[in-house]
């Protein structure tokens, strides 16, 4: 029996509470993963479809998707062996191609996606759990060119949520542990997204910058992330 559609509020300030509640109430893995995909289509500018792909041994499995279009794109990626989702899992940087119809980064995939689906742009963000590459959050748009730096920043923040949530599901974390992880990771994820956008660097480079700076300043990385966010708000 399939899970009922998961509703996630479209206010960024409430997505943490919504995702956490889904986990706290003892939901199935499928419902938790579907909530992440639903959040992506609500919170990331221009995102029409989303999927969550996790590593299963030597293969990659789509464990949830917002709709059949997202699943179809994942299937096509696996068939041709290239694309933003697969590259996001294996490589350090977030993957982005805002227009699959013009000089695409993954030409074989782009040709099949454009021919078979409404998707015209794609992004992939690696999910890292305890320094292990466990999967990717995949986002797709039907409108070429709408996946901008702002959309990538929003997606990076959500990917930080997703990584902690996946970790909690896999490890069976207690609610209090999950809440602490989501809270700190939300701030770290937002700071990483800001640094990526401001300095045009990869997610790994942004996280490493936070980590090294926190060591030099002798402050916790979550506290430093909070400072980065506060300084950004003060400057805008």
C-alpha atoms as a PDB file:
ATOM      1  CA  UNK A   1       0.000   0.000   0.000  1.00  0.00           C
ATOM      2  CA  UNK A   2       1.469   3.351  -1.032  1.00  0.00           C
ATOM      3  CA  UNK A   3       1.979   6.152   1.467  1.00  0.00           C
ATOM      4  CA  UNK A   4      -0.440   9.068   1.300  1.00  0.00           C
ATOM      5  CA  UNK A   5       0.975  12.281  -0.196  1.00  0.00           C
ATOM      6  CA  UNK A   6       3.075  14.178   2.314  1.00  0.00           C
ATOM      7  CA  UNK A   7       2.327  17.857   2.823  1.00  0.00           C
ATOM      8  CA  UNK A   8       5.145  20.170   3.853  1.00  0.00           C
ATOM      9  CA  UNK A   9       4.557  23.901   4.501  1.00  0.00           C
ATOM     10  CA  UNK A  10       6.140  26.293   2.009  1.00  0.00           C
ATOM     11  CA  UNK A  11       7.470  28.675   4.672  1.00  0.00           C
ATOM     12  CA  UNK A  12      11.233  28.097   5.118  1.00  0.00           C
ATOM     13  CA  UNK A  13      10.942  28.981   8.820  1.00  0.00           C
ATOM     14  CA  UNK A  14       8.617  26.032   9.442  1.00  0.00           C
ATOM     15  CA  UNK A  15      10.119  23.282   7.293  1.00  0.00           C
ATOM     16  CA  UNK A  16      12.373  22.091  10.137  1.00  0.00           C
ATOM     17  CA  UNK A  17       9.399  21.552  12.438  1.00  0.00           C
ATOM     18  CA  UNK A  18       7.429  19.806   9.701  1.00  0.00           C
ATOM     19  CA  UNK A  19      10.202  17.376   8.761  1.00  0.00           C
ATOM     20  CA  UNK A  20      11.082  16.694  12.384  1.00  0.00           C
ATOM     21  CA  UNK A  21       7.450  15.974  13.252  1.00  0.00           C
ATOM     22  CA  UNK A  22       7.214  13.429  10.448  1.00  0.00           C
ATOM     23  CA  UNK A  23      10.193  11.565  11.918  1.00  0.00           C
ATOM     24  CA  UNK A  24       9.110  11.956  15.554  1.00  0.00           C
ATOM     25  CA  UNK A  25       5.695  10.404  15.001  1.00  0.00           C
ATOM     26  CA  UNK A  26       7.288   7.129  13.943  1.00  0.00           C
ATOM     27  CA  UNK A  27       6.667   7.477  10.223  1.00  0.00           C
ATOM     28  CA  UNK A  28       7.966   4.936   7.748  1.00  0.00           C
ATOM     29  CA  UNK A  29      11.217   5.490   5.885  1.00  0.00           C
ATOM     30  CA  UNK A  30       9.226   6.069   2.699  1.00  0.00           C
ATOM     31  CA  UNK A  31       7.126   8.823   4.238  1.00  0.00           C
ATOM     32  CA  UNK A  32      10.179  10.583   5.645  1.00  0.00           C
ATOM     33  CA  UNK A  33      11.942  10.478   2.292  1.00  0.00           C
ATOM     34  CA  UNK A  34       8.813  11.647   0.461  1.00  0.00           C
ATOM     35  CA  UNK A  35       8.564  14.596   2.852  1.00  0.00           C
ATOM     36  CA  UNK A  36      12.048  15.707   1.827  1.00  0.00           C
ATOM     37  CA  UNK A  37      11.032  15.622  -1.847  1.00  0.00           C
ATOM     38  CA  UNK A  38       7.818  17.512  -1.110  1.00  0.00           C
ATOM     39  CA  UNK A  39       9.829  20.136   0.771  1.00  0.00           C
ATOM     40  CA  UNK A  40      12.122  20.595  -2.237  1.00  0.00           C
ATOM     41  CA  UNK A  41       9.266  21.438  -4.598  1.00  0.00           C
ATOM     42  CA  UNK A  42       7.854  23.885  -2.022  1.00  0.00           C
ATOM     43  CA  UNK A  43      11.040  25.615  -0.874  1.00  0.00           C
ATOM     44  CA  UNK A  44      13.460  25.714  -3.816  1.00  0.00           C
ATOM     45  CA  UNK A  45      12.718  28.421  -6.378  1.00  0.00           C
ATOM     46  CA  UNK A  46      11.690  26.936  -9.719  1.00  0.00           C
ATOM     47  CA  UNK A  47      11.766  23.308  -8.534  1.00  0.00           C
ATOM     48  CA  UNK A  48       8.906  21.315 -10.093  1.00  0.00           C
ATOM     49  CA  UNK A  49      10.079  17.778  -9.329  1.00  0.00           C
ATOM     50  CA  UNK A  50      12.464  16.197  -6.820  1.00  0.00           C
ATOM     51  CA  UNK A  51      13.841  12.799  -5.911  1.00  0.00           C
ATOM     52  CA  UNK A  52      16.057  11.217  -3.292  1.00  0.00           C
ATOM     53  CA  UNK A  53      18.638   8.711  -4.488  1.00  0.00           C
ATOM     54  CA  UNK A  54      20.580   6.574  -1.996  1.00  0.00           C
ATOM     55  CA  UNK A  55      23.517   4.249  -2.445  1.00  0.00           C
ATOM     56  CA  UNK A  56      22.694   0.555  -2.019  1.00  0.00           C
ATOM     57  CA  UNK A  57      25.937  -1.366  -2.243  1.00  0.00           C
ATOM     58  CA  UNK A  58      27.304  -0.661  -5.693  1.00  0.00           C
ATOM     59  CA  UNK A  59      24.045   0.670  -7.094  1.00  0.00           C
ATOM     60  CA  UNK A  60      21.908   3.800  -6.697  1.00  0.00           C
ATOM     61  CA  UNK A  61      18.239   3.491  -5.810  1.00  0.00           C
ATOM     62  CA  UNK A  62      15.513   6.141  -5.962  1.00  0.00           C
ATOM     63  CA  UNK A  63      13.898   5.776  -2.528  1.00  0.00           C
ATOM     64  CA  UNK A  64      11.384   8.610  -2.974  1.00  0.00           C
ATOM     65  CA  UNK A  65      10.198  11.130  -5.551  1.00  0.00           C
ATOM     66  CA  UNK A  66       7.687  13.926  -5.790  1.00  0.00           C
ATOM     67  CA  UNK A  67       6.198  12.368  -8.940  1.00  0.00           C
ATOM     68  CA  UNK A  68       6.802   9.981 -11.808  1.00  0.00           C
ATOM     69  CA  UNK A  69       8.696  12.610 -13.821  1.00  0.00           C
ATOM     70  CA  UNK A  70      11.427  12.763 -11.173  1.00  0.00           C
ATOM     71  CA  UNK A  71      11.601   8.967 -11.102  1.00  0.00           C
ATOM     72  CA  UNK A  72      11.838   8.894 -14.891  1.00  0.00           C
ATOM     73  CA  UNK A  73      14.817  11.275 -14.912  1.00  0.00           C
ATOM     74  CA  UNK A  74      16.567   9.131 -12.279  1.00  0.00           C
ATOM     75  CA  UNK A  75      15.925   6.048 -14.433  1.00  0.00           C
ATOM     76  CA  UNK A  76      17.416   7.799 -17.452  1.00  0.00           C
ATOM     77  CA  UNK A  77      20.507   8.813 -15.477  1.00  0.00           C
ATOM     78  CA  UNK A  78      21.110   5.235 -14.433  1.00  0.00           C
ATOM     79  CA  UNK A  79      20.537   4.047 -17.993  1.00  0.00           C
ATOM     80  CA  UNK A  80      23.095   6.390 -19.576  1.00  0.00           C
ATOM     81  CA  UNK A  81      25.460   6.445 -16.582  1.00  0.00           C
ATOM     82  CA  UNK A  82      25.754  10.207 -16.340  1.00  0.00           C
ATOM     83  CA  UNK A  83      23.969  13.187 -14.828  1.00  0.00           C
ATOM     84  CA  UNK A  84      23.804  15.626 -11.917  1.00  0.00           C
ATOM     85  CA  UNK A  85      22.470  13.097  -9.413  1.00  0.00           C
ATOM     86  CA  UNK A  86      25.145  10.486 -10.031  1.00  0.00           C
ATOM     87  CA  UNK A  87      27.903  13.115 -10.199  1.00  0.00           C
ATOM     88  CA  UNK A  88      26.681  14.744  -6.977  1.00  0.00           C
ATOM     89  CA  UNK A  89      27.125  11.458  -5.110  1.00  0.00           C
ATOM     90  CA  UNK A  90      30.637  10.842  -6.400  1.00  0.00           C
ATOM     91  CA  UNK A  91      32.098  14.353  -6.703  1.00  0.00           C
ATOM     92  CA  UNK A  92      32.690  17.073  -4.129  1.00  0.00           C
ATOM     93  CA  UNK A  93      30.730  19.875  -5.771  1.00  0.00           C
ATOM     94  CA  UNK A  94      27.009  20.390  -6.179  1.00  0.00           C
ATOM     95  CA  UNK A  95      25.945  19.740  -9.770  1.00  0.00           C
ATOM     96  CA  UNK A  96      23.883  22.246 -11.748  1.00  0.00           C
ATOM     97  CA  UNK A  97      22.742  22.550 -15.354  1.00  0.00           C
ATOM     98  CA  UNK A  98      20.090  25.280 -15.591  1.00  0.00           C
ATOM     99  CA  UNK A  99      19.344  24.632 -19.281  1.00  0.00           C
ATOM    100  CA  UNK A 100      19.426  21.110 -20.688  1.00  0.00           C
ATOM    101  CA  UNK A 101      18.493  22.383 -24.145  1.00  0.00           C
ATOM    102  CA  UNK A 102      21.626  24.487 -24.729  1.00  0.00           C
ATOM    103  CA  UNK A 103      25.189  23.041 -24.563  1.00  0.00           C
ATOM    104  CA  UNK A 104      24.216  20.635 -21.780  1.00  0.00           C
ATOM    105  CA  UNK A 105      26.793  19.406 -19.290  1.00  0.00           C
ATOM    106  CA  UNK A 106      25.522  15.845 -19.742  1.00  0.00           C
ATOM    107  CA  UNK A 107      24.609  15.639 -23.454  1.00  0.00           C
ATOM    108  CA  UNK A 108      23.482  12.011 -23.599  1.00  0.00           C
ATOM    109  CA  UNK A 109      21.223  12.434 -20.586  1.00  0.00           C
ATOM    110  CA  UNK A 110      19.934  15.819 -21.741  1.00  0.00           C
ATOM    111  CA  UNK A 111      18.880  14.477 -25.128  1.00  0.00           C
ATOM    112  CA  UNK A 112      16.826  11.694 -23.562  1.00  0.00           C
ATOM    113  CA  UNK A 113      15.363  13.837 -20.777  1.00  0.00           C
ATOM    114  CA  UNK A 114      14.239  16.597 -23.157  1.00  0.00           C
ATOM    115  CA  UNK A 115      12.727  14.038 -25.520  1.00  0.00           C
ATOM    116  CA  UNK A 116      10.917  12.026 -22.848  1.00  0.00           C
ATOM    117  CA  UNK A 117       9.969  14.529 -20.120  1.00  0.00           C
ATOM    118  CA  UNK A 118       9.067  18.154 -19.444  1.00  0.00           C
ATOM    119  CA  UNK A 119      12.315  18.714 -17.486  1.00  0.00           C
ATOM    120  CA  UNK A 120      14.615  21.456 -18.790  1.00  0.00           C
ATOM    121  CA  UNK A 121      17.015  22.047 -15.853  1.00  0.00           C
ATOM    122  CA  UNK A 122      18.532  19.911 -13.093  1.00  0.00           C
ATOM    123  CA  UNK A 123      20.533  20.108  -9.865  1.00  0.00           C
ATOM    124  CA  UNK A 124      22.088  17.424  -7.679  1.00  0.00           C
ATOM    125  CA  UNK A 125      23.329  17.799  -4.092  1.00  0.00           C
ATOM    126  CA  UNK A 126      25.326  15.138  -2.300  1.00  0.00           C
ATOM    127  CA  UNK A 127      24.108  13.804   1.032  1.00  0.00           C
ATOM    128  CA  UNK A 128      26.983  13.146   3.408  1.00  0.00           C
ATOM    129  CA  UNK A 129      26.534  11.168   6.635  1.00  0.00           C
ATOM    130  CA  UNK A 130      29.560  10.778   8.928  1.00  0.00           C
ATOM    131  CA  UNK A 131      31.849  11.676   6.007  1.00  0.00           C
ATOM    132  CA  UNK A 132      30.268   8.927   3.883  1.00  0.00           C
ATOM    133  CA  UNK A 133      28.645   9.708   0.549  1.00  0.00           C
ATOM    134  CA  UNK A 134      25.249   8.072   0.961  1.00  0.00           C
ATOM    135  CA  UNK A 135      23.156   9.628  -1.773  1.00  0.00           C
ATOM    136  CA  UNK A 136      21.891  12.761  -3.466  1.00  0.00           C
ATOM    137  CA  UNK A 137      18.974  15.158  -3.370  1.00  0.00           C
ATOM    138  CA  UNK A 138      17.914  15.718  -6.976  1.00  0.00           C
ATOM    139  CA  UNK A 139      15.903  18.698  -8.197  1.00  0.00           C
ATOM    140  CA  UNK A 140      14.359  19.317 -11.599  1.00  0.00           C
ATOM    141  CA  UNK A 141      12.596  22.234 -13.273  1.00  0.00           C
ATOM    142  CA  UNK A 142      10.342  22.471 -16.329  1.00  0.00           C
ATOM    143  CA  UNK A 143      11.609  25.989 -17.107  1.00  0.00           C
ATOM    144  CA  UNK A 144      15.109  26.495 -18.497  1.00  0.00           C
ATOM    145  CA  UNK A 145      17.219  29.086 -16.702  1.00  0.00           C
ATOM    146  CA  UNK A 146      15.307  29.352 -13.415  1.00  0.00           C
ATOM    147  CA  UNK A 147      17.846  27.401 -11.356  1.00  0.00           C
ATOM    148  CA  UNK A 148      19.975  30.365 -10.213  1.00  0.00           C
ATOM    149  CA  UNK A 149      22.488  30.830  -7.398  1.00  0.00           C
ATOM    150  CA  UNK A 150      19.553  31.641  -5.122  1.00  0.00           C
ATOM    151  CA  UNK A 151      17.867  28.338  -5.937  1.00  0.00           C
ATOM    152  CA  UNK A 152      21.156  26.506  -5.404  1.00  0.00           C
ATOM    153  CA  UNK A 153      21.551  28.150  -1.993  1.00  0.00           C
ATOM    154  CA  UNK A 154      18.036  27.096  -0.994  1.00  0.00           C
ATOM    155  CA  UNK A 155      18.716  23.565  -2.184  1.00  0.00           C
ATOM    156  CA  UNK A 156      22.007  23.382  -0.264  1.00  0.00           C
ATOM    157  CA  UNK A 157      20.181  24.243   2.952  1.00  0.00           C
ATOM    158  CA  UNK A 158      17.532  21.597   2.313  1.00  0.00           C
ATOM    159  CA  UNK A 159      20.239  19.052   1.473  1.00  0.00           C
ATOM    160  CA  UNK A 160      21.722  19.696   4.917  1.00  0.00           C
ATOM    161  CA  UNK A 161      18.326  18.884   6.448  1.00  0.00           C
ATOM    162  CA  UNK A 162      18.052  15.799   4.291  1.00  0.00           C
ATOM    163  CA  UNK A 163      21.475  14.460   5.293  1.00  0.00           C
ATOM    164  CA  UNK A 164      20.660  14.596   8.998  1.00  0.00           C
ATOM    165  CA  UNK A 165      17.189  13.160   8.454  1.00  0.00           C
ATOM    166  CA  UNK A 166      18.562  10.247   6.400  1.00  0.00           C
ATOM    167  CA  UNK A 167      21.180   9.678   9.088  1.00  0.00           C
ATOM    168  CA  UNK A 168      18.440   9.582  11.733  1.00  0.00           C
ATOM    169  CA  UNK A 169      16.379   7.097   9.745  1.00  0.00           C
ATOM    170  CA  UNK A 170      19.357   4.847   9.044  1.00  0.00           C
ATOM    171  CA  UNK A 171      20.638   4.984  12.626  1.00  0.00           C
ATOM    172  CA  UNK A 172      17.292   5.023  14.410  1.00  0.00           C
ATOM    173  CA  UNK A 173      18.244   8.177  16.333  1.00  0.00           C
ATOM    174  CA  UNK A 174      16.234   9.336  19.329  1.00  0.00           C
ATOM    175  CA  UNK A 175      14.066  12.394  18.814  1.00  0.00           C
ATOM    176  CA  UNK A 176      16.246  14.591  21.024  1.00  0.00           C
ATOM    177  CA  UNK A 177      19.360  13.624  19.062  1.00  0.00           C
ATOM    178  CA  UNK A 178      17.631  14.298  15.771  1.00  0.00           C
ATOM    179  CA  UNK A 179      16.343  17.686  16.945  1.00  0.00           C
ATOM    180  CA  UNK A 180      19.838  18.770  18.029  1.00  0.00           C
ATOM    181  CA  UNK A 181      21.322  17.548  14.760  1.00  0.00           C
ATOM    182  CA  UNK A 182      18.703  19.229  12.599  1.00  0.00           C
ATOM    183  CA  UNK A 183      19.000  22.502  14.486  1.00  0.00           C
ATOM    184  CA  UNK A 184      22.778  22.730  14.202  1.00  0.00           C
ATOM    185  CA  UNK A 185      22.844  21.316  10.685  1.00  0.00           C
ATOM    186  CA  UNK A 186      20.221  23.810   9.556  1.00  0.00           C
ATOM    187  CA  UNK A 187      22.542  26.624  10.611  1.00  0.00           C
ATOM    188  CA  UNK A 188      25.624  24.944   9.164  1.00  0.00           C
ATOM    189  CA  UNK A 189      23.768  24.212   5.929  1.00  0.00           C
ATOM    190  CA  UNK A 190      22.597  27.786   5.613  1.00  0.00           C
ATOM    191  CA  UNK A 191      26.112  29.101   6.279  1.00  0.00           C
ATOM    192  CA  UNK A 192      27.544  26.683   3.697  1.00  0.00           C
ATOM    193  CA  UNK A 193      24.947  27.870   1.180  1.00  0.00           C
ATOM    194  CA  UNK A 194      25.815  31.505   1.833  1.00  0.00           C
ATOM    195  CA  UNK A 195      29.542  30.847   1.451  1.00  0.00           C
ATOM    196  CA  UNK A 196      28.956  28.899  -1.773  1.00  0.00           C
ATOM    197  CA  UNK A 197      26.946  31.776  -3.238  1.00  0.00           C
ATOM    198  CA  UNK A 198      29.252  34.555  -2.037  1.00  0.00           C
ATOM    199  CA  UNK A 199      32.567  32.941  -2.991  1.00  0.00           C
ATOM    200  CA  UNK A 200      31.359  30.660  -5.809  1.00  0.00           C
ATOM    201  CA  UNK A 201      32.958  27.597  -4.232  1.00  0.00           C
ATOM    202  CA  UNK A 202      31.840  23.981  -3.854  1.00  0.00           C
ATOM    203  CA  UNK A 203      29.943  22.648  -0.862  1.00  0.00           C
ATOM    204  CA  UNK A 204      33.042  20.780   0.340  1.00  0.00           C
ATOM    205  CA  UNK A 205      35.183  23.909   0.055  1.00  0.00           C
ATOM    206  CA  UNK A 206      32.603  25.970   1.942  1.00  0.00           C
ATOM    207  CA  UNK A 207      32.293  23.378   4.712  1.00  0.00           C
ATOM    208  CA  UNK A 208      36.075  23.073   4.947  1.00  0.00           C
ATOM    209  CA  UNK A 209      36.341  26.855   5.241  1.00  0.00           C
ATOM    210  CA  UNK A 210      33.885  26.789   8.147  1.00  0.00           C
ATOM    211  CA  UNK A 211      35.706  23.879   9.783  1.00  0.00           C
ATOM    212  CA  UNK A 212      39.171  25.432   9.509  1.00  0.00           C
ATOM    213  CA  UNK A 213      37.948  28.818  10.710  1.00  0.00           C
ATOM    214  CA  UNK A 214      36.181  27.254  13.686  1.00  0.00           C
ATOM    215  CA  UNK A 215      39.412  25.500  14.673  1.00  0.00           C
ATOM    216  CA  UNK A 216      41.444  28.691  14.321  1.00  0.00           C
ATOM    217  CA  UNK A 217      38.923  30.654  16.375  1.00  0.00           C
ATOM    218  CA  UNK A 218      38.416  27.768  18.828  1.00  0.00           C
ATOM    219  CA  UNK A 219      34.621  27.907  18.524  1.00  0.00           C
ATOM    220  CA  UNK A 220      32.126  25.191  17.669  1.00  0.00           C
ATOM    221  CA  UNK A 221      31.319  24.989  13.984  1.00  0.00           C
ATOM    222  CA  UNK A 222      27.581  25.465  14.663  1.00  0.00           C
ATOM    223  CA  UNK A 223      28.332  28.658  16.630  1.00  0.00           C
ATOM    224  CA  UNK A 224      30.506  29.954  13.799  1.00  0.00           C
ATOM    225  CA  UNK A 225      27.780  29.134  11.275  1.00  0.00           C
ATOM    226  CA  UNK A 226      25.361  31.193  13.365  1.00  0.00           C
ATOM    227  CA  UNK A 227      27.795  34.134  13.247  1.00  0.00           C
ATOM    228  CA  UNK A 228      28.094  33.858   9.456  1.00  0.00           C
ATOM    229  CA  UNK A 229      24.294  33.934   9.130  1.00  0.00           C
ATOM    230  CA  UNK A 230      23.976  36.880  11.529  1.00  0.00           C
ATOM    231  CA  UNK A 231      26.659  38.864   9.708  1.00  0.00           C
ATOM    232  CA  UNK A 232      24.911  38.241   6.390  1.00  0.00           C
ATOM    233  CA  UNK A 233      21.636  39.501   7.814  1.00  0.00           C
ATOM    234  CA  UNK A 234      23.346  42.600   9.247  1.00  0.00           C
ATOM    235  CA  UNK A 235      24.886  43.365   5.854  1.00  0.00           C
ATOM    236  CA  UNK A 236      21.621  43.127   3.931  1.00  0.00           C
END
